[in-house]
N, C-alpha and C. Protein backbone atom coordinates (compact mmCIF):
# COMPACT_ATOMS: atom_id res chain seq x y z
N MET A 1 -5.80 9.49 -9.07
CA MET A 1 -4.41 9.20 -8.87
C MET A 1 -3.59 9.70 -10.06
N PHE A 2 -4.16 9.59 -11.24
CA PHE A 2 -3.47 10.09 -12.43
C PHE A 2 -3.24 11.59 -12.35
N VAL A 3 -4.27 12.33 -11.96
CA VAL A 3 -4.16 13.79 -11.90
C VAL A 3 -3.16 14.20 -10.82
N ALA A 4 -3.19 13.55 -9.67
CA ALA A 4 -2.24 13.88 -8.60
C ALA A 4 -0.81 13.56 -9.04
N GLY A 5 -0.60 12.43 -9.67
CA GLY A 5 0.73 12.07 -10.16
C GLY A 5 1.22 13.03 -11.22
N LEU A 6 0.32 13.44 -12.11
CA LEU A 6 0.69 14.39 -13.15
C LEU A 6 1.07 15.74 -12.54
N ALA A 7 0.34 16.17 -11.53
CA ALA A 7 0.66 17.44 -10.87
C ALA A 7 2.03 17.38 -10.20
N VAL A 8 2.33 16.28 -9.54
CA VAL A 8 3.62 16.14 -8.87
C VAL A 8 4.75 16.10 -9.90
N VAL A 9 4.57 15.35 -10.96
CA VAL A 9 5.62 15.24 -11.98
C VAL A 9 5.85 16.58 -12.67
N ARG A 10 4.78 17.32 -12.95
CA ARG A 10 4.94 18.62 -13.61
C ARG A 10 5.60 19.64 -12.70
N ALA A 11 5.30 19.59 -11.41
CA ALA A 11 5.83 20.59 -10.48
C ALA A 11 7.17 20.18 -9.88
N HIS A 12 7.43 18.89 -9.79
CA HIS A 12 8.62 18.45 -9.05
C HIS A 12 9.28 17.28 -9.78
N ASN A 13 9.80 17.51 -10.96
CA ASN A 13 10.49 16.47 -11.72
C ASN A 13 12.00 16.68 -11.56
N ILE A 14 12.49 16.41 -10.35
CA ILE A 14 13.89 16.66 -9.99
C ILE A 14 14.59 15.33 -9.76
N TRP A 15 15.63 15.09 -10.51
CA TRP A 15 16.41 13.86 -10.38
C TRP A 15 17.77 14.21 -9.77
N ALA A 16 17.83 14.27 -8.46
CA ALA A 16 19.06 14.59 -7.74
C ALA A 16 19.40 13.43 -6.81
N ARG A 17 20.63 13.39 -6.37
CA ARG A 17 21.06 12.31 -5.47
C ARG A 17 20.81 12.69 -4.02
N ASN A 18 19.54 12.93 -3.70
CA ASN A 18 19.15 13.20 -2.32
C ASN A 18 17.71 12.74 -2.12
N TRP A 19 17.11 13.12 -1.01
CA TRP A 19 15.79 12.61 -0.67
C TRP A 19 14.69 13.14 -1.59
N THR A 20 14.91 14.24 -2.30
CA THR A 20 13.85 14.81 -3.15
C THR A 20 13.48 13.92 -4.32
N VAL A 21 14.35 12.98 -4.66
CA VAL A 21 14.02 12.06 -5.74
C VAL A 21 12.85 11.15 -5.34
N LEU A 22 12.62 10.96 -4.03
CA LEU A 22 11.48 10.16 -3.59
C LEU A 22 10.16 10.82 -3.99
N VAL A 23 10.11 12.14 -3.94
CA VAL A 23 8.89 12.85 -4.36
C VAL A 23 8.64 12.63 -5.85
N THR A 24 9.70 12.73 -6.64
CA THR A 24 9.58 12.52 -8.08
C THR A 24 9.16 11.08 -8.38
N LEU A 25 9.78 10.12 -7.70
CA LEU A 25 9.42 8.72 -7.93
C LEU A 25 7.98 8.42 -7.53
N MET A 26 7.52 9.01 -6.43
CA MET A 26 6.12 8.80 -6.03
C MET A 26 5.17 9.43 -7.05
N GLY A 27 5.56 10.56 -7.62
CA GLY A 27 4.74 11.18 -8.67
C GLY A 27 4.63 10.29 -9.89
N TRP A 28 5.77 9.74 -10.34
CA TRP A 28 5.75 8.85 -11.50
C TRP A 28 4.98 7.56 -11.20
N PHE A 29 5.11 7.05 -9.97
CA PHE A 29 4.37 5.86 -9.57
C PHE A 29 2.87 6.12 -9.60
N SER A 30 2.45 7.26 -9.07
CA SER A 30 1.03 7.62 -9.07
C SER A 30 0.50 7.82 -10.48
N LEU A 31 1.30 8.46 -11.32
CA LEU A 31 0.90 8.68 -12.71
C LEU A 31 0.72 7.35 -13.44
N THR A 32 1.67 6.45 -13.27
CA THR A 32 1.59 5.14 -13.93
C THR A 32 0.42 4.32 -13.41
N LEU A 33 0.24 4.31 -12.09
CA LEU A 33 -0.86 3.55 -11.52
C LEU A 33 -2.21 4.13 -11.95
N GLY A 34 -2.29 5.45 -12.06
CA GLY A 34 -3.52 6.07 -12.56
C GLY A 34 -3.83 5.68 -13.99
N LEU A 35 -2.80 5.62 -14.83
CA LEU A 35 -3.00 5.17 -16.21
C LEU A 35 -3.46 3.72 -16.27
N VAL A 36 -2.86 2.88 -15.46
CA VAL A 36 -3.26 1.46 -15.44
C VAL A 36 -4.70 1.33 -14.97
N ARG A 37 -5.07 2.10 -13.96
CA ARG A 37 -6.44 2.03 -13.46
C ARG A 37 -7.45 2.55 -14.49
N MET A 38 -7.04 3.49 -15.34
CA MET A 38 -7.96 4.01 -16.35
C MET A 38 -8.12 3.06 -17.53
N PHE A 39 -7.00 2.52 -18.03
CA PHE A 39 -7.05 1.78 -19.28
C PHE A 39 -7.11 0.26 -19.11
N ALA A 40 -6.80 -0.23 -17.93
CA ALA A 40 -6.86 -1.68 -17.69
C ALA A 40 -7.53 -1.94 -16.34
N ALA A 41 -8.69 -1.36 -16.15
CA ALA A 41 -9.36 -1.42 -14.86
C ALA A 41 -9.77 -2.84 -14.48
N SER A 42 -10.29 -3.61 -15.42
CA SER A 42 -10.74 -4.96 -15.08
C SER A 42 -9.56 -5.87 -14.73
N GLN A 43 -8.46 -5.76 -15.46
CA GLN A 43 -7.28 -6.56 -15.15
C GLN A 43 -6.69 -6.13 -13.81
N TYR A 44 -6.72 -4.83 -13.53
CA TYR A 44 -6.21 -4.33 -12.26
C TYR A 44 -7.04 -4.87 -11.10
N ARG A 45 -8.37 -4.87 -11.26
CA ARG A 45 -9.25 -5.39 -10.20
C ARG A 45 -9.02 -6.87 -9.97
N GLN A 46 -8.85 -7.63 -11.04
CA GLN A 46 -8.60 -9.07 -10.89
C GLN A 46 -7.27 -9.32 -10.20
N ALA A 47 -6.24 -8.58 -10.56
CA ALA A 47 -4.93 -8.76 -9.93
C ALA A 47 -4.97 -8.36 -8.47
N ALA A 48 -5.68 -7.29 -8.15
CA ALA A 48 -5.78 -6.84 -6.76
C ALA A 48 -6.58 -7.83 -5.92
N ALA A 49 -7.59 -8.43 -6.51
CA ALA A 49 -8.41 -9.40 -5.77
C ALA A 49 -7.65 -10.70 -5.51
N SER A 50 -6.75 -11.06 -6.41
CA SER A 50 -6.03 -12.33 -6.24
C SER A 50 -4.74 -12.19 -5.45
N THR A 51 -4.35 -10.96 -5.12
CA THR A 51 -3.13 -10.74 -4.36
C THR A 51 -3.40 -11.00 -2.88
N SER A 52 -2.45 -11.65 -2.22
CA SER A 52 -2.65 -11.97 -0.81
C SER A 52 -2.55 -10.71 0.05
N SER A 53 -3.15 -10.78 1.21
CA SER A 53 -3.15 -9.62 2.10
C SER A 53 -1.75 -9.34 2.65
N THR A 54 -0.90 -10.35 2.73
CA THR A 54 0.47 -10.14 3.21
C THR A 54 1.25 -9.24 2.25
N VAL A 55 1.10 -9.49 0.97
CA VAL A 55 1.79 -8.66 -0.03
C VAL A 55 1.28 -7.23 0.03
N LEU A 56 -0.02 -7.05 0.16
CA LEU A 56 -0.58 -5.71 0.24
C LEU A 56 -0.11 -4.98 1.49
N MET A 57 -0.03 -5.68 2.61
CA MET A 57 0.45 -5.05 3.84
C MET A 57 1.92 -4.66 3.73
N CYS A 58 2.73 -5.47 3.06
CA CYS A 58 4.14 -5.12 2.85
C CYS A 58 4.28 -3.89 1.96
N LEU A 59 3.49 -3.82 0.90
CA LEU A 59 3.51 -2.64 0.03
C LEU A 59 3.07 -1.38 0.77
N GLU A 60 2.03 -1.51 1.59
CA GLU A 60 1.58 -0.37 2.37
C GLU A 60 2.63 0.05 3.40
N GLY A 61 3.34 -0.90 3.96
CA GLY A 61 4.42 -0.58 4.88
C GLY A 61 5.54 0.18 4.21
N VAL A 62 5.90 -0.23 3.00
CA VAL A 62 6.94 0.48 2.25
C VAL A 62 6.49 1.90 1.93
N LEU A 63 5.25 2.06 1.50
CA LEU A 63 4.73 3.40 1.21
C LEU A 63 4.68 4.27 2.47
N LEU A 64 4.37 3.67 3.61
CA LEU A 64 4.35 4.41 4.87
C LEU A 64 5.75 4.88 5.25
N ILE A 65 6.75 4.03 5.07
CA ILE A 65 8.13 4.41 5.36
C ILE A 65 8.58 5.55 4.45
N VAL A 66 8.26 5.45 3.16
CA VAL A 66 8.60 6.52 2.23
C VAL A 66 7.91 7.82 2.63
N ALA A 67 6.66 7.73 3.05
CA ALA A 67 5.93 8.93 3.48
C ALA A 67 6.57 9.54 4.72
N PHE A 68 7.02 8.72 5.67
CA PHE A 68 7.70 9.24 6.85
C PHE A 68 9.01 9.93 6.48
N ILE A 69 9.76 9.36 5.56
CA ILE A 69 11.03 9.96 5.14
C ILE A 69 10.78 11.30 4.47
N ILE A 70 9.81 11.36 3.56
CA ILE A 70 9.51 12.61 2.86
C ILE A 70 9.02 13.67 3.86
N THR A 71 8.17 13.28 4.80
CA THR A 71 7.66 14.22 5.79
C THR A 71 8.78 14.72 6.69
N PHE A 72 9.63 13.83 7.15
CA PHE A 72 10.73 14.23 8.03
C PHE A 72 11.66 15.22 7.33
N HIS A 73 12.06 14.90 6.11
CA HIS A 73 12.97 15.79 5.39
C HIS A 73 12.30 17.08 4.96
N GLY A 74 11.02 17.03 4.73
CA GLY A 74 10.30 18.24 4.32
C GLY A 74 10.16 19.25 5.44
N TYR A 75 10.10 18.80 6.70
CA TYR A 75 9.88 19.70 7.81
C TYR A 75 11.13 19.98 8.64
N ARG A 76 12.22 19.31 8.39
CA ARG A 76 13.41 19.55 9.21
C ARG A 76 14.11 20.82 8.73
N ARG A 77 14.88 21.38 9.64
CA ARG A 77 15.63 22.60 9.32
C ARG A 77 16.97 22.21 8.75
N GLU A 78 17.38 22.95 7.74
CA GLU A 78 18.68 22.73 7.13
C GLU A 78 19.73 23.45 7.97
N PRO A 79 20.86 22.80 8.24
CA PRO A 79 21.92 23.51 8.97
C PRO A 79 22.52 24.62 8.12
N LYS A 80 22.84 25.74 8.78
CA LYS A 80 23.38 26.89 8.03
C LYS A 80 24.87 26.93 8.05
């Protein structure tokens, strides 16, 4: 996750007021989560084990919505 986040941040570090900022934010999120998983793995495992399944499902739903938005905007045609 760290390597993927680093690749996204290095290639797409764009802070604009449009949908492309979601790609940058997901890259920074992946980079940060990868660092946490590397340097605080035991604390991360304990926190993940004690988190309820409802919270995890809500987080996965938010990530799914963000993925749909990025996919939709990435494949749509721009009006000329």
